[in-house]
C-alpha cells in the first residue's frame, strides 16, 4: 500500500464527552471484509457496526447500532508486525538484530457510539453531494466487492436513492456544505454532523 498522509482519513470529536467517560468500544475488523476491501484498510471516520461475531463491519443497515472509527486498521497502535519476525508456534521470534517486538497492539480499533451525544467531523462521506443542516445521514452497507467496500461501505451520504432509504439514520448534518465548500485545516473535505441512531 502506498504511503499516505496521516490526516487523509480522520474523525474528530468536535463536541461531546471525552475519555474516560465517552461511549466508545473496541473490536477487530471483520477478517472477511478486511481481506476483500481494496487496499486492505478500514479507514478512520467510517461508520461501522458489530456483527454477530463481535467484529466491525462497514456501514449500518436497518437496525445496526452505528459506531464511528477513531483508528485506521493499519495504524501502528492497532496492529504491527514488530519488524522481521517468524512465528515459532510459541509466539514471534526476532530474526534480525535490529528487529523489534510489538507491545500491546492486537488489531482492535476504537470507535465512538452514535448514541454518545457527539458532534463529529468525518472525512469519510460522499463529497460530491450538497448537505444542508438537518439532513439525515445514512452509512450504506456494501456488497462484498473490493471497490464497493472502499467506495461505499460506511461512507456517509444524504443520497435518497435506493437502497439508502431502507437503512437507518446514523447522523444529522449540523453544518451545511457543498462540493466547493472550504476544506479543513489539513486540506481535506470534512462533514460535521450530530451522531444519532434512528433505525428503520
Protein backbone atom coordinates (compact mmCIF):
# COMPACT_ATOMS: atom_id res chain seq x y z
CA UNK A 1 0.00 0.00 0.00
CA UNK A 2 1.45 3.44 -0.93
CA UNK A 3 2.29 5.74 1.96
CA UNK A 4 -0.45 8.21 2.84
CA UNK A 5 -0.68 11.37 4.92
CA UNK A 6 -1.91 10.81 8.48
CA UNK A 7 -4.65 13.44 8.05
CA UNK A 8 -6.13 11.87 4.91
CA UNK A 9 -8.81 9.86 6.76
CA UNK A 10 -9.93 11.23 10.11
CA UNK A 11 -12.71 11.50 12.66
CA UNK A 12 -12.76 14.49 15.02
CA UNK A 13 -14.86 14.74 18.15
CA UNK A 14 -15.98 18.37 18.00
CA UNK A 15 -18.35 18.32 20.98
CA UNK A 16 -19.38 15.68 23.48
CA UNK A 17 -17.93 13.56 26.25
CA UNK A 18 -14.23 12.73 26.02
CA UNK A 19 -12.28 9.86 27.54
CA UNK A 20 -12.55 8.33 30.08
CA UNK A 21 -16.32 8.86 30.08
CA UNK A 22 -17.20 8.82 26.40
CA UNK A 23 -19.27 5.98 24.95
CA UNK A 24 -16.71 4.04 22.91
CA UNK A 25 -15.98 0.42 22.07
CA UNK A 26 -13.07 -1.64 20.78
CA UNK A 27 -13.20 -4.54 18.33
CA UNK A 28 -11.27 -6.10 15.48
CA UNK A 29 -12.19 -5.56 11.84
CA UNK A 30 -14.14 -8.39 10.26
CA UNK A 31 -11.41 -10.51 8.61
CA UNK A 32 -13.52 -11.27 5.53
CA UNK A 33 -14.20 -7.60 4.77
CA UNK A 34 -10.65 -6.58 5.67
CA UNK A 35 -9.32 -9.21 3.29
CA UNK A 36 -11.63 -8.10 0.47
CA UNK A 37 -11.56 -4.29 0.67
CA UNK A 38 -9.44 -2.59 -1.95
CA UNK A 39 -6.17 -1.57 -0.28
CA UNK A 40 -6.83 -3.79 2.74
CA UNK A 41 -7.63 -0.96 5.21
CA UNK A 42 -10.64 0.21 7.23
CA UNK A 43 -10.29 3.99 7.42
CA UNK A 44 -10.80 6.25 10.42
CA UNK A 45 -14.07 8.18 10.15
CA UNK A 46 -16.03 5.31 8.59
CA UNK A 47 -19.30 4.18 10.13
CA UNK A 48 -19.27 0.56 11.30
CA UNK A 49 -21.41 -1.89 13.24
CA UNK A 50 -20.69 -5.02 15.24
CA UNK A 51 -21.54 -8.29 13.50
CA UNK A 52 -22.65 -11.47 15.24
CA UNK A 53 -19.02 -12.36 15.94
CA UNK A 54 -18.33 -9.04 17.65
CA UNK A 55 -16.20 -7.65 14.80
CA UNK A 56 -16.52 -4.37 12.93
CA UNK A 57 -18.25 -4.42 9.55
CA UNK A 58 -18.56 -1.35 7.36
CA UNK A 59 -21.85 0.54 7.24
CA UNK A 60 -25.06 0.44 9.23
CA UNK A 61 -28.20 -1.26 7.96
CA UNK A 62 -31.82 -1.32 9.10
CA UNK A 63 -31.18 -1.77 12.81
CA UNK A 64 -27.41 -1.94 13.35
CA UNK A 65 -26.16 0.23 16.23
CA UNK A 66 -23.72 2.59 14.47
CA UNK A 67 -20.20 3.42 15.61
CA UNK A 68 -17.55 5.68 14.04
CA UNK A 69 -13.94 4.54 13.80
CA UNK A 70 -11.25 6.61 15.53
CA UNK A 71 -8.41 4.50 14.06
CA UNK A 72 -7.26 3.18 10.72
CA UNK A 73 -6.89 -0.59 10.76
CA UNK A 74 -3.20 -0.30 9.83
CA UNK A 75 -2.28 2.30 12.48
CA UNK A 76 0.72 1.18 14.48
CA UNK A 77 -1.25 1.36 17.71
CA UNK A 78 -3.78 -1.04 16.19
CA UNK A 79 -1.61 -3.64 14.51
CA UNK A 80 2.05 -4.03 13.62
CA UNK A 81 4.33 -6.96 12.98
CA UNK A 82 7.18 -5.61 15.07
CA UNK A 83 9.72 -5.82 12.25
CA UNK A 84 11.22 -9.02 10.87
CA UNK A 85 9.73 -11.91 12.82
CA UNK A 86 8.71 -15.51 12.37
CA UNK A 87 6.07 -17.42 14.29
CA UNK A 88 7.64 -20.30 16.18
CA UNK A 89 4.28 -21.60 17.32
CA UNK A 90 5.02 -20.12 20.73
CA UNK A 91 4.89 -16.50 19.63
CA UNK A 92 7.01 -14.19 17.49
CA UNK A 93 10.76 -14.75 17.29
CA UNK A 94 13.07 -11.99 16.08
CA UNK A 95 15.22 -12.99 13.12
CA UNK A 96 17.28 -9.81 12.74
CA UNK A 97 19.34 -7.92 15.36
CA UNK A 98 17.55 -4.64 14.61
CA UNK A 99 14.07 -6.15 14.55
CA UNK A 100 11.70 -5.34 17.38
CA UNK A 101 8.75 -6.98 19.03
CA UNK A 102 5.40 -5.15 19.20
CA UNK A 103 3.86 -4.35 22.55
CA UNK A 104 0.10 -4.29 23.01
CA UNK A 105 -1.44 -3.79 19.52
CA UNK A 106 -3.95 -6.59 18.90
CA UNK A 107 -5.84 -5.35 15.86
CA UNK A 108 -8.61 -3.75 17.92
CA UNK A 109 -9.88 -0.40 16.64
CA UNK A 110 -11.59 2.13 18.87
CA UNK A 111 -14.89 3.66 17.78
CA UNK A 112 -17.41 6.05 19.33
CA UNK A 113 -21.07 5.08 19.51
CA UNK A 114 -23.64 7.14 17.62
CA UNK A 115 -25.69 7.27 20.84
CA UNK A 116 -22.86 9.02 22.67
CA UNK A 117 -24.16 12.55 22.14
CA UNK A 118 -21.37 13.77 19.84
CA UNK A 119 -20.89 16.36 17.17
CA UNK A 120 -18.37 14.72 14.86
CA UNK A 121 -16.44 15.75 11.78
CA UNK A 122 -15.52 13.00 9.32
CA UNK A 123 -13.59 12.92 6.07
CA UNK A 124 -15.48 9.75 5.13
CA UNK A 125 -18.52 10.96 3.20
CA UNK A 126 -19.69 11.46 -0.37
CA UNK A 127 -18.12 14.85 -1.09
CA UNK A 128 -19.96 15.17 -4.43
CA UNK A 129 -23.25 15.87 -2.62
CA UNK A 130 -24.68 19.07 -1.13
CA UNK A 131 -25.56 18.80 2.54
CA UNK A 132 -27.93 21.08 4.46
CA UNK A 133 -28.40 21.36 8.23
CA UNK A 134 -30.88 18.72 9.44
CA UNK A 135 -30.22 16.36 6.52
CA UNK A 136 -30.32 12.78 7.77
CA UNK A 137 -27.24 10.72 7.01
CA UNK A 138 -27.01 7.08 6.06
CA UNK A 139 -23.93 4.85 6.13
CA UNK A 140 -24.69 2.25 3.44
CA UNK A 141 -23.79 -1.38 3.68
CA UNK A 142 -21.77 -2.60 0.74
CA UNK A 143 -21.70 -5.61 -1.49
CA UNK A 144 -18.65 -7.71 -0.72
CA UNK A 145 -16.53 -6.40 -3.59
CA UNK A 146 -13.17 -4.67 -3.22
CA UNK A 147 -14.36 -1.44 -4.82
CA UNK A 148 -17.77 -1.49 -3.12
CA UNK A 149 -16.26 -1.81 0.34
CA UNK A 150 -13.78 1.00 -0.37
CA UNK A 151 -16.12 3.46 -2.07
CA UNK A 152 -19.50 2.76 -0.42
CA UNK A 153 -19.25 0.77 2.81
CA UNK A 154 -19.71 3.06 5.80
CA UNK A 155 -19.26 6.33 3.88
CA UNK A 156 -21.80 8.94 4.94
CA UNK A 157 -24.33 10.25 2.44
CA UNK A 158 -27.68 12.04 2.29
CA UNK A 159 -28.48 10.31 -1.00
CA UNK A 160 -32.16 9.31 -1.02
CA UNK A 161 -31.89 6.85 -3.89
CA UNK A 162 -32.20 3.10 -3.40
CA UNK A 163 -31.14 1.28 -1.33
CA UNK A 164 -30.24 4.09 1.07
CA UNK A 165 -33.83 4.86 2.25
CA UNK A 166 -34.01 1.34 3.69
CA UNK A 167 -31.09 1.99 6.06
CA UNK A 168 -31.40 3.62 9.47
CA UNK A 169 -30.04 7.13 10.05
CA UNK A 170 -26.67 7.45 11.79
CA UNK A 171 -26.35 11.24 11.95
CA UNK A 172 -27.88 14.64 11.25
CA UNK A 173 -25.93 17.36 9.46
CA UNK A 174 -25.08 20.32 11.70
CA UNK A 175 -23.07 22.47 9.28
CA UNK A 176 -24.10 22.59 5.64
CA UNK A 177 -21.59 22.17 2.85
CA UNK A 178 -21.38 21.85 -0.92
CA UNK A 179 -18.78 20.16 -3.13
CA UNK A 180 -16.96 23.51 -3.32
CA UNK A 181 -17.04 24.34 0.41
CA UNK A 182 -13.83 25.22 2.20
CA UNK A 183 -11.65 22.32 3.27
CA UNK A 184 -10.40 21.73 6.79
CA UNK A 185 -7.03 22.86 8.13
CA UNK A 186 -5.38 19.83 6.52
CA UNK A 187 -6.84 20.50 3.09
CA UNK A 188 -9.45 17.72 3.35
CA UNK A 189 -13.19 17.74 2.78
CA UNK A 190 -14.96 17.22 6.11
CA UNK A 191 -18.61 16.83 7.12
CA UNK A 192 -19.93 17.98 10.51
CA UNK A 193 -22.87 16.09 12.00
CA UNK A 194 -24.59 15.12 15.23
CA UNK A 195 -24.39 11.36 15.74
CA UNK A 196 -27.68 9.56 16.22
CA UNK A 197 -29.38 6.20 15.80
CA UNK A 198 -32.75 6.14 14.05
CA UNK A 199 -33.39 2.54 12.96
CA UNK A 200 -35.91 1.78 10.25
